[in-house]
């Protein structure tokens, strides 16, 4: 019953349509997706695994500094540097 009520609500359907349009507009090319996946594997995975193995607390100063460094490196490698506000 609730779904029927939502579908009949003009504000709800407008909001869902807007979200779908925004999602479609943000479609990423296959090439960009591959680049981001490679960047994840080379830039993020190993340092994160190392930090975890060393027991670095992600909320500590060292953890935050590492997260900032890794995020910046990932953004640069994945070609997302213009979207990162580090």
C-alpha atoms as a PDB file:
ATOM      1  CA  UNK A   1       0.000   0.000   0.000  1.00  0.00           C
ATOM      2  CA  UNK A   2       2.753   2.449   0.875  1.00  0.00           C
ATOM      3  CA  UNK A   3       4.421   1.990  -2.521  1.00  0.00           C
ATOM      4  CA  UNK A   4       1.157   2.792  -4.284  1.00  0.00           C
ATOM      5  CA  UNK A   5       0.829   5.949  -2.208  1.00  0.00           C
ATOM      6  CA  UNK A   6       4.411   7.000  -3.025  1.00  0.00           C
ATOM      7  CA  UNK A   7       3.962   6.427  -6.749  1.00  0.00           C
ATOM      8  CA  UNK A   8       0.855   8.602  -6.710  1.00  0.00           C
ATOM      9  CA  UNK A   9       2.726  11.415  -4.934  1.00  0.00           C
ATOM     10  CA  UNK A  10       3.852  13.949  -7.573  1.00  0.00           C
ATOM     11  CA  UNK A  11       6.715  15.261  -5.394  1.00  0.00           C
ATOM     12  CA  UNK A  12       8.050  11.734  -4.897  1.00  0.00           C
ATOM     13  CA  UNK A  13       7.943  10.830  -8.593  1.00  0.00           C
ATOM     14  CA  UNK A  14       9.597  14.138  -9.511  1.00  0.00           C
ATOM     15  CA  UNK A  15      12.350  13.526  -6.951  1.00  0.00           C
ATOM     16  CA  UNK A  16      12.957   9.970  -8.199  1.00  0.00           C
ATOM     17  CA  UNK A  17      13.043  11.150 -11.820  1.00  0.00           C
ATOM     18  CA  UNK A  18      15.556  13.894 -10.938  1.00  0.00           C
ATOM     19  CA  UNK A  19      17.789  11.403  -9.115  1.00  0.00           C
ATOM     20  CA  UNK A  20      17.669   9.029 -12.091  1.00  0.00           C
ATOM     21  CA  UNK A  21      18.562  11.822 -14.507  1.00  0.00           C
ATOM     22  CA  UNK A  22      21.502  12.924 -12.372  1.00  0.00           C
ATOM     23  CA  UNK A  23      22.734   9.356 -12.138  1.00  0.00           C
ATOM     24  CA  UNK A  24      22.508   8.925 -15.902  1.00  0.00           C
ATOM     25  CA  UNK A  25      24.367  12.199 -16.467  1.00  0.00           C
ATOM     26  CA  UNK A  26      27.226  10.989 -14.264  1.00  0.00           C
ATOM     27  CA  UNK A  27      27.797   7.872 -16.339  1.00  0.00           C
ATOM     28  CA  UNK A  28      31.504   7.063 -16.402  1.00  0.00           C
ATOM     29  CA  UNK A  29      33.218   5.735 -19.498  1.00  0.00           C
ATOM     30  CA  UNK A  30      34.592   2.199 -19.529  1.00  0.00           C
ATOM     31  CA  UNK A  31      38.107   3.619 -19.901  1.00  0.00           C
ATOM     32  CA  UNK A  32      37.696   5.794 -16.800  1.00  0.00           C
ATOM     33  CA  UNK A  33      36.299   2.860 -14.842  1.00  0.00           C
ATOM     34  CA  UNK A  34      39.309   0.720 -15.746  1.00  0.00           C
ATOM     35  CA  UNK A  35      41.637   3.555 -14.721  1.00  0.00           C
ATOM     36  CA  UNK A  36      39.899   3.930 -11.387  1.00  0.00           C
ATOM     37  CA  UNK A  37      40.030   0.188 -10.769  1.00  0.00           C
ATOM     38  CA  UNK A  38      43.754   0.082 -11.579  1.00  0.00           C
ATOM     39  CA  UNK A  39      44.345   3.083  -9.340  1.00  0.00           C
ATOM     40  CA  UNK A  40      42.498   1.343  -6.521  1.00  0.00           C
ATOM     41  CA  UNK A  41      44.639  -1.764  -6.900  1.00  0.00           C
ATOM     42  CA  UNK A  42      47.966   0.065  -7.126  1.00  0.00           C
ATOM     43  CA  UNK A  43      47.471   3.127  -4.947  1.00  0.00           C
ATOM     44  CA  UNK A  44      44.869   2.247  -2.336  1.00  0.00           C
ATOM     45  CA  UNK A  45      44.856  -1.466  -1.636  1.00  0.00           C
ATOM     46  CA  UNK A  46      48.476  -2.050  -0.625  1.00  0.00           C
ATOM     47  CA  UNK A  47      48.930   1.006   1.650  1.00  0.00           C
ATOM     48  CA  UNK A  48      45.573   0.365   3.336  1.00  0.00           C
ATOM     49  CA  UNK A  49      46.421  -3.292   3.925  1.00  0.00           C
ATOM     50  CA  UNK A  50      49.828  -2.269   5.308  1.00  0.00           C
ATOM     51  CA  UNK A  51      48.296   0.296   7.656  1.00  0.00           C
ATOM     52  CA  UNK A  52      45.780  -2.266   8.856  1.00  0.00           C
ATOM     53  CA  UNK A  53      48.516  -4.853   9.412  1.00  0.00           C
ATOM     54  CA  UNK A  54      50.523  -2.300  11.423  1.00  0.00           C
ATOM     55  CA  UNK A  55      47.458  -1.477  13.509  1.00  0.00           C
ATOM     56  CA  UNK A  56      47.338   2.192  12.548  1.00  0.00           C
ATOM     57  CA  UNK A  57      44.142   3.688  13.934  1.00  0.00           C
ATOM     58  CA  UNK A  58      42.358   5.430  11.035  1.00  0.00           C
ATOM     59  CA  UNK A  59      41.177   8.174  13.398  1.00  0.00           C
ATOM     60  CA  UNK A  60      44.679   8.915  14.722  1.00  0.00           C
ATOM     61  CA  UNK A  61      46.855  11.714  13.367  1.00  0.00           C
ATOM     62  CA  UNK A  62      48.998   9.158  11.530  1.00  0.00           C
ATOM     63  CA  UNK A  63      45.906   7.462  10.123  1.00  0.00           C
ATOM     64  CA  UNK A  64      44.405  10.737   8.948  1.00  0.00           C
ATOM     65  CA  UNK A  65      47.675  11.832   7.344  1.00  0.00           C
ATOM     66  CA  UNK A  66      47.954   8.496   5.558  1.00  0.00           C
ATOM     67  CA  UNK A  67      44.327   8.697   4.409  1.00  0.00           C
ATOM     68  CA  UNK A  68      44.883  12.186   3.006  1.00  0.00           C
ATOM     69  CA  UNK A  69      48.049  11.102   1.189  1.00  0.00           C
ATOM     70  CA  UNK A  70      46.439   7.943  -0.220  1.00  0.00           C
ATOM     71  CA  UNK A  71      43.302   9.793  -1.303  1.00  0.00           C
ATOM     72  CA  UNK A  72      45.320  12.444  -3.124  1.00  0.00           C
ATOM     73  CA  UNK A  73      47.442   9.796  -4.848  1.00  0.00           C
ATOM     74  CA  UNK A  74      44.329   7.857  -5.848  1.00  0.00           C
ATOM     75  CA  UNK A  75      42.629  10.971  -7.226  1.00  0.00           C
ATOM     76  CA  UNK A  76      45.714  11.831  -9.279  1.00  0.00           C
ATOM     77  CA  UNK A  77      46.225   8.286 -10.575  1.00  0.00           C
ATOM     78  CA  UNK A  78      42.526   7.781 -11.382  1.00  0.00           C
ATOM     79  CA  UNK A  79      42.313  11.124 -13.162  1.00  0.00           C
ATOM     80  CA  UNK A  80      39.971  12.549 -10.554  1.00  0.00           C
ATOM     81  CA  UNK A  81      42.276  15.286  -9.215  1.00  0.00           C
ATOM     82  CA  UNK A  82      39.867  18.014 -10.344  1.00  0.00           C
ATOM     83  CA  UNK A  83      37.100  16.462  -8.243  1.00  0.00           C
ATOM     84  CA  UNK A  84      39.147  16.027  -5.069  1.00  0.00           C
ATOM     85  CA  UNK A  85      39.282  18.929  -2.641  1.00  0.00           C
ATOM     86  CA  UNK A  86      42.144  17.761  -0.458  1.00  0.00           C
END
